Amino acid sequence: MLTESLVENYHDRCPLSPPDRSSKTASSASRYPCPTFPPTGARIRVVCAGACYRMRNRSPSASSISSVSSAQSTEDSTAVYSPAHHGMRDGALFPGYEVAGIIDELGSDVTPTDDVAVGKRVVLYPYDGIPHGYAEFIVVPDLSYLVPVPDNLPLGVAAMLPSGALLAKNAVITAHAHVVELLKERAADHIVRILIVGTGGLALWALRITEHHFKTPEYMHRVKITVATLKDEGFMLAAGELKSVNIVQWNEDLYEKQLIERTKDACSGLVDIVIDFGTTSRSLHRSLQCLNTGGVVLVSEEVAERLLPKFSRLIHERNQKIEAVAMGSIEQLKELVHCVANSEIKPPPHTEFSADEAPAVIQKLCHSEIPAGPYSVFTIFSKPCSFFSSS
């Protein structure tokens, strides 16, 4: 516990440096001067920060590929992808940009409002250049990056929204545009089939957001949702709550042909849209085998950079498309905060650890020693608000 005088001038930062592969210990927190901020910005006292599994920055590439020629420019691009692809996760790839906290101080040029004032609860939009959240204080240069958090939404839940939930939200919005076009082009009785592929928190966000988005009368009987997941008891338990969604398990012990036939049976035929949050060539190839001619597979940008060139010829021959989905907008983040706060979308299970446990927890995450069990999909680091209070 820091005293008030120390809080005013110094703050702690949890370790982000990768652990020594030959060592069983993680580095301890470091101390830094309390950050200053511009007249138009604010300083945020971090209450909760998520353990990120996705890299913030990526190299430029095409956003989608549907032919061999359009793939040529990406063949030599630098692949940037999730640290989950490695047998051991590099601690430096957990930037901690899933941040929720309390406004500690506003810049001199800022006029407080009902939503933005000292003491107000906020979540940060993951803008380019956002500082990592594993610190007691972080600075934002512009208040437009702050999204107010209602009092009925726990900050631990709010901290899950800027990464996985926001990516899933944008994937669903992208899928919506394709659904609209398909319903215009196909017969009046055509049902658009959507397959969600993945496991863990990201796929569960996509499943719950998709179910919420298409449950309106306009789409309720025109869109069918199926989720294909690896053996994951936590995911199956949570996904099973949605009675209108079909679930098919991808048991890797089965032959590929069996898995494809099982998926087509669950979907009542080939699907029109796949939201694939898998991370392997095998997963994407399987998704394409379950996709209709003229269909589209939506993947995250970091996976697209690595996998798009490998499948350019196949999708050209089958008249299919793979489209990369970027992180969502701040307006989409505001919509998520509203929907989750009003219980319209149920958040996935998560586990909160105290900030004092962060070094040990990051060490375990780097070695994949914290599985996503029935009640733990996301990992959130938190400090009680009393830690930041000043008298």
Protein backbone atom coordinates (compact mmCIF):
# COMPACT_ATOMS: atom_id res chain seq x y z
CA MET A 1 0.00 0.00 0.00
CA LEU A 2 1.48 3.31 -1.08
CA THR A 3 1.22 6.32 1.13
CA GLU A 4 -0.46 9.46 -0.20
CA SER A 5 2.85 11.30 -0.65
CA LEU A 6 4.31 8.47 -2.70
CA VAL A 7 1.20 8.16 -4.86
CA GLU A 8 1.50 11.82 -5.78
CA ASN A 9 4.97 11.37 -7.25
CA TYR A 10 5.53 7.69 -8.08
CA HIS A 11 3.56 4.74 -9.34
CA ASP A 12 4.19 1.03 -9.76
CA ARG A 13 4.22 -0.81 -13.06
CA CYS A 14 3.73 -4.54 -13.37
CA PRO A 15 6.35 -6.42 -15.41
CA LEU A 16 5.90 -6.84 -19.14
CA SER A 17 9.37 -8.09 -19.99
CA PRO A 18 9.43 -11.72 -21.08
CA PRO A 19 10.55 -14.16 -18.41
CA ASP A 20 13.83 -15.97 -18.77
CA ARG A 21 12.95 -19.27 -20.42
CA SER A 22 15.35 -21.04 -18.08
CA SER A 23 13.92 -19.32 -15.01
CA LYS A 24 10.85 -20.15 -12.98
CA THR A 25 10.45 -16.64 -11.61
CA ALA A 26 9.05 -13.40 -13.04
CA SER A 27 10.41 -9.94 -12.47
CA SER A 28 8.78 -7.75 -9.84
CA ALA A 29 6.99 -4.44 -10.31
CA SER A 30 9.04 -1.35 -11.07
CA ARG A 31 8.60 2.21 -9.83
CA TYR A 32 8.24 5.19 -12.17
CA PRO A 33 7.53 8.90 -11.74
CA CYS A 34 3.82 9.69 -11.75
CA PRO A 35 3.00 10.66 -15.37
CA THR A 36 2.17 14.20 -16.38
CA PHE A 37 -0.52 14.90 -18.95
CA PRO A 38 -1.37 17.55 -21.57
CA PRO A 39 -3.90 20.35 -20.95
CA THR A 40 -6.49 18.56 -23.11
CA GLY A 41 -5.93 15.11 -21.59
CA ALA A 42 -6.42 13.26 -18.34
CA ARG A 43 -4.68 10.95 -15.92
CA ILE A 44 -6.48 7.68 -15.17
CA ARG A 45 -6.09 5.61 -12.01
CA VAL A 46 -6.11 2.02 -13.27
CA VAL A 47 -8.46 -0.26 -11.35
CA CYS A 48 -8.64 -3.25 -13.73
CA ALA A 49 -6.46 -4.31 -16.66
CA GLY A 50 -6.99 -7.41 -18.76
CA ALA A 51 -4.29 -9.90 -19.65
CA CYS A 52 -4.21 -9.37 -23.41
CA TYR A 53 -3.71 -12.22 -25.83
CA ARG A 54 -3.56 -10.05 -28.95
CA MET A 55 -0.90 -7.73 -30.28
CA ARG A 56 -1.94 -4.11 -30.69
CA ASN A 57 0.07 -3.20 -33.79
CA ARG A 58 0.26 -4.96 -37.10
CA SER A 59 2.06 -4.43 -40.38
CA PRO A 60 0.14 -3.09 -43.38
CA SER A 61 -1.59 -5.64 -45.60
CA ALA A 62 -4.62 -6.07 -47.77
CA SER A 63 -7.86 -6.30 -45.83
CA SER A 64 -9.18 -9.17 -47.89
CA ILE A 65 -8.22 -11.54 -50.66
CA SER A 66 -10.51 -13.18 -53.19
CA SER A 67 -8.05 -13.86 -56.04
CA VAL A 68 -4.45 -14.87 -56.68
CA SER A 69 -3.47 -11.48 -58.06
CA SER A 70 -4.67 -9.59 -55.02
CA ALA A 71 -2.58 -11.84 -52.80
CA GLN A 72 0.75 -10.99 -54.36
CA SER A 73 1.30 -7.81 -52.34
CA THR A 74 1.03 -9.72 -49.06
CA GLU A 75 3.41 -12.55 -49.84
CA ASP A 76 6.41 -10.62 -48.54
CA SER A 77 4.68 -8.82 -45.69
CA THR A 78 5.89 -9.38 -42.16
CA ALA A 79 3.63 -11.76 -40.28
CA VAL A 80 2.30 -10.43 -37.03
CA TYR A 81 0.04 -12.66 -35.05
CA SER A 82 -1.22 -13.61 -31.64
CA PRO A 83 1.28 -14.83 -29.06
CA ALA A 84 -1.03 -17.78 -28.53
CA HIS A 85 0.63 -19.37 -31.56
CA HIS A 86 3.82 -19.90 -29.58
CA GLY A 87 4.41 -22.83 -27.25
CA MET A 88 5.57 -20.31 -24.70
CA ARG A 89 3.99 -16.87 -24.68
CA ASP A 90 6.34 -13.92 -24.62
CA GLY A 91 5.45 -11.71 -21.65
CA ALA A 92 6.24 -8.62 -23.74
CA LEU A 93 3.21 -9.44 -25.88
CA PHE A 94 0.78 -8.77 -23.04
CA PRO A 95 0.54 -4.99 -23.49
CA GLY A 96 -2.35 -4.52 -21.08
CA TYR A 97 -4.46 -2.18 -23.18
CA GLU A 98 -7.75 -3.52 -21.80
CA VAL A 99 -8.03 -0.82 -19.17
CA ALA A 100 -10.83 0.37 -16.88
CA GLY A 101 -10.33 2.88 -14.11
CA ILE A 102 -11.19 6.20 -12.53
CA ILE A 103 -10.37 9.70 -13.75
CA ASP A 104 -7.73 10.96 -11.33
CA GLU A 105 -7.13 14.41 -12.79
CA LEU A 106 -8.13 16.44 -15.85
CA GLY A 107 -6.02 18.76 -17.96
CA SER A 108 -6.15 22.49 -17.37
CA ASP A 109 -8.08 23.12 -20.61
CA VAL A 110 -10.76 20.50 -19.89
CA THR A 111 -14.22 21.49 -18.70
CA PRO A 112 -15.77 18.70 -16.58
CA THR A 113 -19.11 17.23 -17.68
CA ASP A 114 -21.58 14.78 -16.18
CA ASP A 115 -19.69 11.88 -17.79
CA VAL A 116 -16.12 13.16 -17.69
CA ALA A 117 -14.99 14.49 -14.33
CA VAL A 118 -12.58 13.57 -11.56
CA GLY A 119 -13.81 10.40 -9.88
CA LYS A 120 -15.82 9.16 -12.88
CA ARG A 121 -15.45 5.54 -14.00
CA VAL A 122 -14.20 4.98 -17.58
CA VAL A 123 -12.89 2.37 -19.96
CA LEU A 124 -10.23 3.24 -22.53
CA TYR A 125 -10.60 2.75 -26.26
CA PRO A 126 -7.41 0.99 -27.53
CA TYR A 127 -6.14 3.80 -29.74
CA ASP A 128 -2.78 3.63 -31.52
CA GLY A 129 -0.10 4.48 -29.02
CA ILE A 130 -2.12 3.67 -25.92
CA PRO A 131 0.23 3.06 -22.97
CA HIS A 132 0.08 -0.34 -21.34
CA GLY A 133 -2.32 -0.60 -18.46
CA TYR A 134 -0.15 -2.49 -16.00
CA ALA A 135 0.52 0.64 -13.98
CA GLU A 136 -1.26 2.61 -11.29
CA PHE A 137 -1.70 5.62 -13.56
CA ILE A 138 -1.84 6.06 -17.31
CA VAL A 139 -2.26 9.23 -19.36
CA VAL A 140 -4.62 9.81 -22.28
CA PRO A 141 -3.90 12.77 -24.56
CA ASP A 142 -7.53 13.31 -25.58
CA LEU A 143 -10.76 12.72 -23.70
CA SER A 144 -12.41 11.31 -26.83
CA TYR A 145 -10.70 7.99 -26.03
CA LEU A 146 -12.63 7.65 -22.77
CA VAL A 147 -15.94 5.79 -22.60
CA PRO A 148 -18.03 6.34 -19.44
CA VAL A 149 -18.85 3.21 -17.44
CA PRO A 150 -22.26 3.10 -15.67
CA ASP A 151 -22.25 2.43 -11.95
CA ASN A 152 -24.01 -0.92 -12.43
CA LEU A 153 -21.21 -2.29 -14.67
CA PRO A 154 -18.26 -3.72 -12.70
CA LEU A 155 -14.92 -2.35 -13.86
CA GLY A 156 -13.61 -5.92 -14.11
CA VAL A 157 -16.25 -6.62 -16.77
CA ALA A 158 -15.68 -3.26 -18.48
CA ALA A 159 -11.98 -4.10 -18.84
CA MET A 160 -12.89 -7.10 -21.03
CA LEU A 161 -14.61 -4.98 -23.65
CA PRO A 162 -11.82 -3.06 -25.50
CA SER A 163 -10.12 -6.15 -26.96
CA GLY A 164 -11.95 -9.42 -27.59
CA ALA A 165 -15.48 -8.05 -27.29
CA LEU A 166 -14.73 -5.11 -29.57
CA LEU A 167 -13.14 -7.33 -32.23
CA ALA A 168 -16.10 -9.70 -32.02
CA LYS A 169 -18.52 -6.79 -32.29
CA ASN A 170 -16.87 -5.53 -35.47
CA ALA A 171 -16.88 -9.05 -36.92
CA VAL A 172 -20.62 -9.27 -36.34
CA ILE A 173 -21.21 -5.83 -37.88
CA THR A 174 -19.15 -6.93 -40.89
CA ALA A 175 -21.17 -10.15 -41.11
CA HIS A 176 -24.38 -8.10 -40.96
CA ALA A 177 -23.48 -6.30 -44.19
CA HIS A 178 -23.05 -9.65 -45.93
CA VAL A 179 -26.34 -10.92 -44.50
CA VAL A 180 -28.19 -7.92 -45.93
CA GLU A 181 -26.73 -8.53 -49.38
CA LEU A 182 -27.49 -12.26 -49.26
CA LEU A 183 -31.11 -11.68 -48.31
CA LYS A 184 -31.46 -9.33 -51.29
CA GLU A 185 -29.89 -11.75 -53.75
CA ARG A 186 -31.32 -15.08 -52.61
CA ALA A 187 -34.85 -16.46 -52.66
CA ALA A 188 -37.40 -15.15 -50.20
CA ASP A 189 -37.22 -18.36 -48.14
CA HIS A 190 -33.41 -18.48 -48.04
CA ILE A 191 -31.91 -18.80 -44.55
CA VAL A 192 -28.47 -17.27 -44.09
CA ARG A 193 -26.27 -19.70 -42.19
CA ILE A 194 -23.48 -18.32 -40.02
CA LEU A 195 -20.77 -20.53 -38.52
CA ILE A 196 -18.65 -19.22 -35.64
CA VAL A 197 -15.36 -21.07 -35.18
CA GLY A 198 -13.18 -20.84 -32.10
CA THR A 199 -12.94 -21.44 -28.40
CA GLY A 200 -12.47 -19.40 -25.25
CA GLY A 201 -13.48 -15.83 -24.59
CA LEU A 202 -13.17 -14.36 -28.08
CA ALA A 203 -15.45 -16.93 -29.69
CA LEU A 204 -17.87 -16.72 -26.77
CA TRP A 205 -18.10 -12.94 -27.18
CA ALA A 206 -18.75 -13.43 -30.90
CA LEU A 207 -21.44 -16.02 -30.20
CA ARG A 208 -23.30 -13.89 -27.67
CA ILE A 209 -23.02 -10.70 -29.70
CA THR A 210 -24.18 -12.48 -32.87
CA GLU A 211 -27.17 -14.01 -31.09
CA HIS A 212 -28.12 -10.61 -29.66
CA HIS A 213 -27.63 -8.80 -32.96
CA PHE A 214 -29.79 -11.10 -35.09
CA LYS A 215 -32.62 -11.81 -32.66
CA THR A 216 -34.73 -8.94 -34.01
CA PRO A 217 -37.95 -9.92 -35.87
CA GLU A 218 -36.36 -8.97 -39.19
CA TYR A 219 -33.65 -11.63 -38.86
CA MET A 220 -34.90 -14.05 -36.22
CA HIS A 221 -36.17 -16.61 -38.74
CA ARG A 222 -33.80 -15.70 -41.59
CA VAL A 223 -30.44 -16.26 -39.85
CA LYS A 224 -29.24 -19.54 -38.36
CA ILE A 225 -26.21 -19.56 -36.05
CA THR A 226 -23.94 -22.53 -35.36
CA VAL A 227 -20.73 -22.58 -33.34
CA ALA A 228 -17.90 -25.04 -33.89
CA THR A 229 -15.53 -25.37 -30.96
CA LEU A 230 -12.71 -27.56 -29.76
CA LYS A 231 -13.25 -29.57 -26.60
CA ASP A 232 -13.71 -26.80 -24.04
CA GLU A 233 -15.98 -27.50 -21.08
CA GLY A 234 -16.18 -23.84 -20.10
CA PHE A 235 -17.16 -22.76 -23.60
CA MET A 236 -19.69 -25.57 -24.02
CA LEU A 237 -21.29 -24.75 -20.68
CA ALA A 238 -21.59 -21.03 -21.44
CA ALA A 239 -22.65 -21.50 -25.07
CA GLY A 240 -25.27 -24.02 -24.04
CA GLU A 241 -27.23 -21.20 -22.39
CA LEU A 242 -28.22 -19.93 -25.85
CA LYS A 243 -31.02 -22.26 -26.89
CA SER A 244 -31.33 -20.83 -30.41
CA VAL A 245 -27.70 -21.68 -31.28
CA ASN A 246 -26.45 -25.05 -32.53
CA ILE A 247 -23.14 -26.35 -31.20
CA VAL A 248 -20.80 -28.77 -32.96
CA GLN A 249 -17.64 -30.05 -31.33
CA TRP A 250 -14.49 -30.30 -33.40
CA ASN A 251 -12.84 -33.34 -31.89
CA GLU A 252 -9.35 -33.39 -33.36
CA ASP A 253 -9.21 -37.17 -32.92
CA LEU A 254 -11.66 -37.55 -35.82
CA TYR A 255 -10.70 -37.58 -39.48
CA GLU A 256 -11.01 -34.26 -41.28
CA LYS A 257 -13.76 -35.54 -43.55
CA GLN A 258 -15.79 -36.62 -40.51
CA LEU A 259 -15.46 -33.18 -38.90
CA ILE A 260 -16.56 -31.44 -42.09
CA GLU A 261 -19.59 -33.72 -42.50
CA ARG A 262 -20.48 -33.29 -38.83
CA THR A 263 -20.33 -29.51 -39.22
CA LYS A 264 -22.46 -29.49 -42.38
CA ASP A 265 -25.04 -31.66 -40.64
CA ALA A 266 -25.21 -29.28 -37.67
CA CYS A 267 -25.59 -26.31 -40.01
CA SER A 268 -28.14 -28.06 -42.25
CA GLY A 269 -25.83 -27.70 -45.23
CA LEU A 270 -23.06 -25.40 -46.34
CA VAL A 271 -22.88 -22.02 -44.64
CA ASP A 272 -22.81 -18.53 -46.16
CA ILE A 273 -20.61 -16.77 -43.61
CA VAL A 274 -17.90 -18.04 -41.25
CA ILE A 275 -16.54 -15.97 -38.38
CA ASP A 276 -13.33 -17.88 -37.75
CA PHE A 277 -11.35 -17.05 -34.61
CA GLY A 278 -9.20 -20.14 -34.98
CA THR A 279 -5.47 -19.53 -35.34
CA THR A 280 -4.30 -22.37 -37.61
CA SER A 281 -4.26 -23.23 -41.29
CA ARG A 282 -6.15 -26.40 -40.50
CA SER A 283 -9.01 -24.50 -38.91
CA LEU A 284 -9.30 -22.08 -41.82
CA HIS A 285 -9.12 -24.87 -44.40
CA ARG A 286 -11.91 -26.70 -42.59
CA SER A 287 -14.02 -23.54 -42.53
CA LEU A 288 -13.62 -23.13 -46.29
CA GLN A 289 -14.77 -26.74 -46.83
CA CYS A 290 -17.98 -25.88 -44.97
CA LEU A 291 -18.55 -22.66 -46.95
CA ASN A 292 -20.89 -22.10 -49.87
CA THR A 293 -19.70 -20.93 -53.25
CA GLY A 294 -19.55 -17.14 -53.05
CA GLY A 295 -19.34 -17.27 -49.25
CA VAL A 296 -17.01 -15.29 -47.00
CA VAL A 297 -14.79 -16.18 -44.05
CA LEU A 298 -14.10 -13.38 -41.57
CA VAL A 299 -10.82 -13.59 -39.66
CA SER A 300 -8.90 -11.20 -37.42
CA GLU A 301 -6.29 -9.00 -39.07
CA GLU A 302 -3.31 -10.61 -37.36
CA VAL A 303 -4.37 -14.10 -38.46
CA ALA A 304 -5.15 -12.81 -41.96
CA GLU A 305 -1.63 -11.50 -42.46
CA ARG A 306 -0.21 -14.95 -41.88
CA LEU A 307 -2.82 -17.14 -43.56
CA LEU A 308 -4.32 -15.20 -46.47
CA PRO A 309 -1.48 -15.90 -48.93
CA LYS A 310 -1.69 -19.64 -48.24
CA PHE A 311 -5.33 -19.85 -49.35
CA SER A 312 -5.48 -17.34 -52.20
CA ARG A 313 -5.49 -19.97 -54.95
CA LEU A 314 -8.08 -22.17 -53.24
CA ILE A 315 -10.59 -19.39 -52.65
CA HIS A 316 -10.10 -18.18 -56.22
CA GLU A 317 -10.99 -21.63 -57.54
CA ARG A 318 -14.04 -21.91 -55.25
CA ASN A 319 -15.20 -18.31 -55.73
CA GLN A 320 -14.93 -17.66 -52.01
CA LYS A 321 -13.51 -14.78 -50.02
CA ILE A 322 -11.46 -14.33 -46.87
CA GLU A 323 -11.92 -10.92 -45.28
CA ALA A 324 -9.82 -9.46 -42.47
CA VAL A 325 -11.67 -7.79 -39.60
CA ALA A 326 -10.03 -4.91 -37.76
CA MET A 327 -10.49 -3.77 -34.18
CA GLY A 328 -13.85 -2.03 -33.82
CA SER A 329 -14.60 1.67 -33.43
CA ILE A 330 -15.11 3.70 -30.29
CA GLU A 331 -18.81 3.98 -31.14
CA GLN A 332 -19.02 0.19 -31.13
CA LEU A 333 -17.28 0.15 -27.74
CA LYS A 334 -19.92 2.55 -26.41
CA GLU A 335 -22.64 0.24 -27.72
CA LEU A 336 -21.01 -2.72 -25.99
CA VAL A 337 -20.81 -0.86 -22.68
CA HIS A 338 -24.52 -0.03 -22.98
CA CYS A 339 -25.60 -3.56 -23.91
CA VAL A 340 -23.53 -5.30 -21.24
CA ALA A 341 -24.51 -2.79 -18.55
CA ASN A 342 -28.20 -3.34 -19.38
CA SER A 343 -27.84 -7.14 -19.39
CA GLU A 344 -28.66 -7.34 -23.11
CA ILE A 345 -25.38 -9.20 -23.67
CA LYS A 346 -24.03 -11.47 -20.96
CA PRO A 347 -20.23 -11.27 -20.52
CA PRO A 348 -18.15 -14.46 -20.52
CA PRO A 349 -16.80 -15.81 -17.23
CA HIS A 350 -13.57 -14.25 -16.01
CA THR A 351 -11.15 -14.45 -13.13
CA GLU A 352 -9.82 -11.41 -11.29
CA PHE A 353 -6.42 -11.41 -9.65
CA SER A 354 -5.03 -8.69 -7.45
CA ALA A 355 -2.25 -6.54 -8.88
CA ASP A 356 0.10 -8.03 -6.30
CA GLU A 357 -0.37 -11.39 -8.02
CA ALA A 358 0.38 -10.01 -11.50
CA PRO A 359 4.04 -11.17 -11.76
CA ALA A 360 3.14 -14.75 -10.85
CA VAL A 361 0.04 -14.78 -13.04
CA ILE A 362 1.88 -13.39 -16.09
CA GLN A 363 4.55 -16.04 -15.55
CA LYS A 364 1.86 -18.75 -15.62
CA LEU A 365 0.17 -17.23 -18.69
CA CYS A 366 3.49 -17.22 -20.53
CA HIS A 367 3.81 -20.94 -19.85
CA SER A 368 0.10 -21.62 -20.57
CA GLU A 369 -0.41 -22.79 -17.01
CA ILE A 370 -3.77 -21.02 -16.53
CA PRO A 371 -6.38 -22.91 -18.55
CA ALA A 372 -9.75 -21.47 -19.51
CA GLY A 373 -11.97 -23.62 -17.33
CA PRO A 374 -15.74 -23.48 -16.79
CA TYR A 375 -15.58 -20.26 -14.81
CA SER A 376 -12.44 -18.63 -16.17
CA VAL A 377 -12.18 -17.30 -19.72
CA PHE A 378 -10.58 -13.91 -19.19
CA THR A 379 -7.87 -12.90 -16.76
CA ILE A 380 -8.22 -9.46 -15.18
CA PHE A 381 -5.77 -7.73 -12.85
CA SER A 382 -7.39 -5.39 -10.36
CA LYS A 383 -6.75 -3.18 -7.37
CA PRO A 384 -9.48 -2.06 -4.98
CA CYS A 385 -10.55 1.54 -5.39
CA SER A 386 -9.45 2.22 -1.84
CA PHE A 387 -5.86 1.73 -3.00
CA PHE A 388 -6.19 4.84 -5.13
CA SER A 389 -8.18 6.97 -2.72
CA SER A 390 -6.63 10.14 -1.44
CA SER A 391 -7.70 11.95 1.69
